[in-house]
């Protein structure tokens, strides 16, 4: 039973890591898009 709980705990931790990684990638993509947009606006 304890082994099951340990495995579950490990999966939950991995899931949270994955989720936070996705958020970080999205953040940097949004920042990049914003930068490009600002550059385009400056050129118009």
PDB file of N, CA and C in Angstrom:
ATOM      1  N   UNK A   1       0.830  -1.199   0.000  1.00  0.00           N
ATOM      2  CA  UNK A   1       0.000   0.000   0.000  1.00  0.00           C
ATOM      3  C   UNK A   1       0.874   1.263   0.000  1.00  0.00           C
ATOM      4  N   UNK A   2       1.921   1.264   0.805  1.00  0.00           N
ATOM      5  CA  UNK A   2       2.799   2.433   0.876  1.00  0.00           C
ATOM      6  C   UNK A   2       3.480   2.694  -0.458  1.00  0.00           C
ATOM      7  N   UNK A   3       3.824   1.598  -1.148  1.00  0.00           N
ATOM      8  CA  UNK A   3       4.485   1.737  -2.450  1.00  0.00           C
ATOM      9  C   UNK A   3       3.552   2.465  -3.418  1.00  0.00           C
ATOM     10  N   UNK A   4       2.256   2.114  -3.385  1.00  0.00           N
ATOM     11  CA  UNK A   4       1.264   2.768  -4.234  1.00  0.00           C
ATOM     12  C   UNK A   4       1.248   4.262  -3.958  1.00  0.00           C
ATOM     13  N   UNK A   5       1.201   4.624  -2.689  1.00  0.00           N
ATOM     14  CA  UNK A   5       1.144   6.037  -2.303  1.00  0.00           C
ATOM     15  C   UNK A   5       2.390   6.778  -2.775  1.00  0.00           C
ATOM     16  N   UNK A   6       3.532   6.112  -2.656  1.00  0.00           N
ATOM     17  CA  UNK A   6       4.781   6.731  -3.082  1.00  0.00           C
ATOM     18  C   UNK A   6       4.756   6.995  -4.580  1.00  0.00           C
ATOM     19  N   UNK A   7       4.287   6.001  -5.336  1.00  0.00           N
ATOM     20  CA  UNK A   7       4.208   6.140  -6.792  1.00  0.00           C
ATOM     21  C   UNK A   7       3.258   7.274  -7.165  1.00  0.00           C
ATOM     22  N   UNK A   8       2.126   7.323  -6.489  1.00  0.00           N
ATOM     23  CA  UNK A   8       1.130   8.353  -6.744  1.00  0.00           C
ATOM     24  C   UNK A   8       1.724   9.732  -6.462  1.00  0.00           C
ATOM     25  N   UNK A   9       2.420   9.835  -5.348  1.00  0.00           N
ATOM     26  CA  UNK A   9       3.049  11.092  -4.947  1.00  0.00           C
ATOM     27  C   UNK A   9       4.049  11.546  -6.012  1.00  0.00           C
ATOM     28  N   UNK A  10       4.832  10.595  -6.520  1.00  0.00           N
ATOM     29  CA  UNK A  10       5.829  10.875  -7.542  1.00  0.00           C
ATOM     30  C   UNK A  10       5.151  11.389  -8.812  1.00  0.00           C
ATOM     31  N   UNK A  11       4.039  10.744  -9.184  1.00  0.00           N
ATOM     32  CA  UNK A  11       3.301  11.150 -10.376  1.00  0.00           C
ATOM     33  C   UNK A  11       2.751  12.559 -10.225  1.00  0.00           C
ATOM     34  N   UNK A  12       2.208  12.853  -9.054  1.00  0.00           N
ATOM     35  CA  UNK A  12       1.648  14.180  -8.792  1.00  0.00           C
ATOM     36  C   UNK A  12       2.748  15.236  -8.897  1.00  0.00           C
ATOM     37  N   UNK A  13       3.906  14.942  -8.321  1.00  0.00           N
ATOM     38  CA  UNK A  13       5.025  15.881  -8.381  1.00  0.00           C
ATOM     39  C   UNK A  13       5.450  16.125  -9.821  1.00  0.00           C
ATOM     40  N   UNK A  14       5.531  15.039 -10.595  1.00  0.00           N
ATOM     41  CA  UNK A  14       5.925  15.165 -11.992  1.00  0.00           C
ATOM     42  C   UNK A  14       4.919  15.991 -12.766  1.00  0.00           C
ATOM     43  N   UNK A  15       3.640  15.759 -12.457  1.00  0.00           N
ATOM     44  CA  UNK A  15       2.569  16.497 -13.114  1.00  0.00           C
ATOM     45  C   UNK A  15       2.705  17.993 -12.831  1.00  0.00           C
ATOM     46  N   UNK A  16       2.947  18.334 -11.574  1.00  0.00           N
ATOM     47  CA  UNK A  16       3.095  19.742 -11.206  1.00  0.00           C
ATOM     48  C   UNK A  16       4.294  20.369 -11.900  1.00  0.00           C
ATOM     49  N   UNK A  17       5.388  19.614 -11.988  1.00  0.00           N
ATOM     50  CA  UNK A  17       6.574  20.103 -12.685  1.00  0.00           C
ATOM     51  C   UNK A  17       6.239  20.382 -14.141  1.00  0.00           C
ATOM     52  N   UNK A  18       5.544  19.444 -14.764  1.00  0.00           N
ATOM     53  CA  UNK A  18       5.151  19.596 -16.163  1.00  0.00           C
ATOM     54  C   UNK A  18       4.292  20.825 -16.360  1.00  0.00           C
ATOM     55  N   UNK A  19       3.330  21.007 -15.468  1.00  0.00           N
ATOM     56  CA  UNK A  19       2.424  22.149 -15.570  1.00  0.00           C
ATOM     57  C   UNK A  19       3.195  23.459 -15.441  1.00  0.00           C
ATOM     58  N   UNK A  20       4.086  23.554 -14.468  1.00  0.00           N
ATOM     59  CA  UNK A  20       4.825  24.806 -14.289  1.00  0.00           C
ATOM     60  C   UNK A  20       5.758  25.056 -15.469  1.00  0.00           C
ATOM     61  N   UNK A  21       6.302  23.985 -16.063  1.00  0.00           N
ATOM     62  CA  UNK A  21       7.146  24.149 -17.250  1.00  0.00           C
ATOM     63  C   UNK A  21       6.341  24.725 -18.400  1.00  0.00           C
ATOM     64  N   UNK A  22       5.121  24.220 -18.572  1.00  0.00           N
ATOM     65  CA  UNK A  22       4.253  24.713 -19.644  1.00  0.00           C
ATOM     66  C   UNK A  22       3.963  26.193 -19.432  1.00  0.00           C
ATOM     67  N   UNK A  23       3.667  26.565 -18.193  1.00  0.00           N
ATOM     68  CA  UNK A  23       3.378  27.971 -17.906  1.00  0.00           C
ATOM     69  C   UNK A  23       4.581  28.842 -18.239  1.00  0.00           C
ATOM     70  N   UNK A  24       5.777  28.386 -17.877  1.00  0.00           N
ATOM     71  CA  UNK A  24       6.987  29.157 -18.150  1.00  0.00           C
ATOM     72  C   UNK A  24       7.211  29.320 -19.644  1.00  0.00           C
ATOM     73  N   UNK A  25       7.003  28.243 -20.415  1.00  0.00           N
ATOM     74  CA  UNK A  25       7.197  28.343 -21.862  1.00  0.00           C
ATOM     75  C   UNK A  25       6.195  29.304 -22.452  1.00  0.00           C
ATOM     76  N   UNK A  26       4.942  29.225 -22.007  1.00  0.00           N
ATOM     77  CA  UNK A  26       3.925  30.141 -22.515  1.00  0.00           C
ATOM     78  C   UNK A  26       4.288  31.579 -22.193  1.00  0.00           C
ATOM     79  N   UNK A  27       4.757  31.813 -20.979  1.00  0.00           N
ATOM     80  CA  UNK A  27       5.145  33.164 -20.580  1.00  0.00           C
ATOM     81  C   UNK A  27       6.216  33.708 -21.520  1.00  0.00           C
ATOM     82  N   UNK A  28       7.253  32.921 -21.787  1.00  0.00           N
ATOM     83  CA  UNK A  28       8.340  33.416 -22.628  1.00  0.00           C
ATOM     84  C   UNK A  28       7.868  33.604 -24.070  1.00  0.00           C
ATOM     85  N   UNK A  29       6.949  32.758 -24.529  1.00  0.00           N
ATOM     86  CA  UNK A  29       6.414  32.923 -25.882  1.00  0.00           C
ATOM     87  C   UNK A  29       5.606  34.203 -25.974  1.00  0.00           C
ATOM     88  N   UNK A  30       4.829  34.487 -24.939  1.00  0.00           N
ATOM     89  CA  UNK A  30       4.026  35.710 -24.908  1.00  0.00           C
ATOM     90  C   UNK A  30       4.951  36.927 -24.894  1.00  0.00           C
ATOM     91  N   UNK A  31       5.996  36.868 -24.083  1.00  0.00           N
ATOM     92  CA  UNK A  31       6.960  37.972 -24.024  1.00  0.00           C
ATOM     93  C   UNK A  31       7.596  38.205 -25.388  1.00  0.00           C
ATOM     94  N   UNK A  32       7.951  37.114 -26.056  1.00  0.00           N
ATOM     95  CA  UNK A  32       8.581  37.194 -27.364  1.00  0.00           C
ATOM     96  C   UNK A  32       7.629  37.827 -28.372  1.00  0.00           C
ATOM     97  N   UNK A  33       6.385  37.374 -28.361  1.00  0.00           N
ATOM     98  CA  UNK A  33       5.374  37.906 -29.274  1.00  0.00           C
ATOM     99  C   UNK A  33       5.176  39.399 -29.025  1.00  0.00           C
ATOM    100  N   UNK A  34       5.162  39.778 -27.758  1.00  0.00           N
ATOM    101  CA  UNK A  34       4.974  41.184 -27.405  1.00  0.00           C
ATOM    102  C   UNK A  34       6.138  42.024 -27.924  1.00  0.00           C
ATOM    103  N   UNK A  35       7.355  41.485 -27.771  1.00  0.00           N
ATOM    104  CA  UNK A  35       8.550  42.187 -28.255  1.00  0.00           C
ATOM    105  C   UNK A  35       8.476  42.396 -29.761  1.00  0.00           C
ATOM    106  N   UNK A  36       8.122  41.331 -30.484  1.00  0.00           N
ATOM    107  CA  UNK A  36       8.020  41.408 -31.942  1.00  0.00           C
ATOM    108  C   UNK A  36       6.959  42.431 -32.335  1.00  0.00           C
ATOM    109  N   UNK A  37       5.839  42.394 -31.633  1.00  0.00           N
ATOM    110  CA  UNK A  37       4.750  43.328 -31.905  1.00  0.00           C
ATOM    111  C   UNK A  37       5.212  44.772 -31.711  1.00  0.00           C
ATOM    112  N   UNK A  38       5.944  45.016 -30.627  1.00  0.00           N
ATOM    113  CA  UNK A  38       6.459  46.360 -30.359  1.00  0.00           C
ATOM    114  C   UNK A  38       7.412  46.802 -31.465  1.00  0.00           C
ATOM    115  N   UNK A  39       8.256  45.878 -31.925  1.00  0.00           N
ATOM    116  CA  UNK A  39       9.187  46.198 -33.009  1.00  0.00           C
ATOM    117  C   UNK A  39       8.426  46.551 -34.281  1.00  0.00           C
ATOM    118  N   UNK A  40       7.402  45.772 -34.583  1.00  0.00           N
ATOM    119  CA  UNK A  40       6.595  46.035 -35.778  1.00  0.00           C
ATOM    120  C   UNK A  40       5.919  47.397 -35.677  1.00  0.00           C
ATOM    121  N   UNK A  41       5.371  47.686 -34.516  1.00  0.00           N
ATOM    122  CA  UNK A  41       4.697  48.973 -34.310  1.00  0.00           C
ATOM    123  C   UNK A  41       5.679  50.127 -34.504  1.00  0.00           C
ATOM    124  N   UNK A  42       6.891  49.938 -34.025  1.00  0.00           N
ATOM    125  CA  UNK A  42       7.905  50.988 -34.124  1.00  0.00           C
ATOM    126  C   UNK A  42       8.288  51.238 -35.584  1.00  0.00           C
ATOM    127  N   UNK A  43       8.184  50.208 -36.409  1.00  0.00           N
ATOM    128  CA  UNK A  43       8.576  50.339 -37.814  1.00  0.00           C
ATOM    129  C   UNK A  43       7.493  50.937 -38.688  1.00  0.00           C
ATOM    130  N   UNK A  44       6.263  50.940 -38.216  1.00  0.00           N
ATOM    131  CA  UNK A  44       5.152  51.429 -39.042  1.00  0.00           C
ATOM    132  C   UNK A  44       5.171  52.956 -39.065  1.00  0.00           C
TER     133      UNK A  44
END
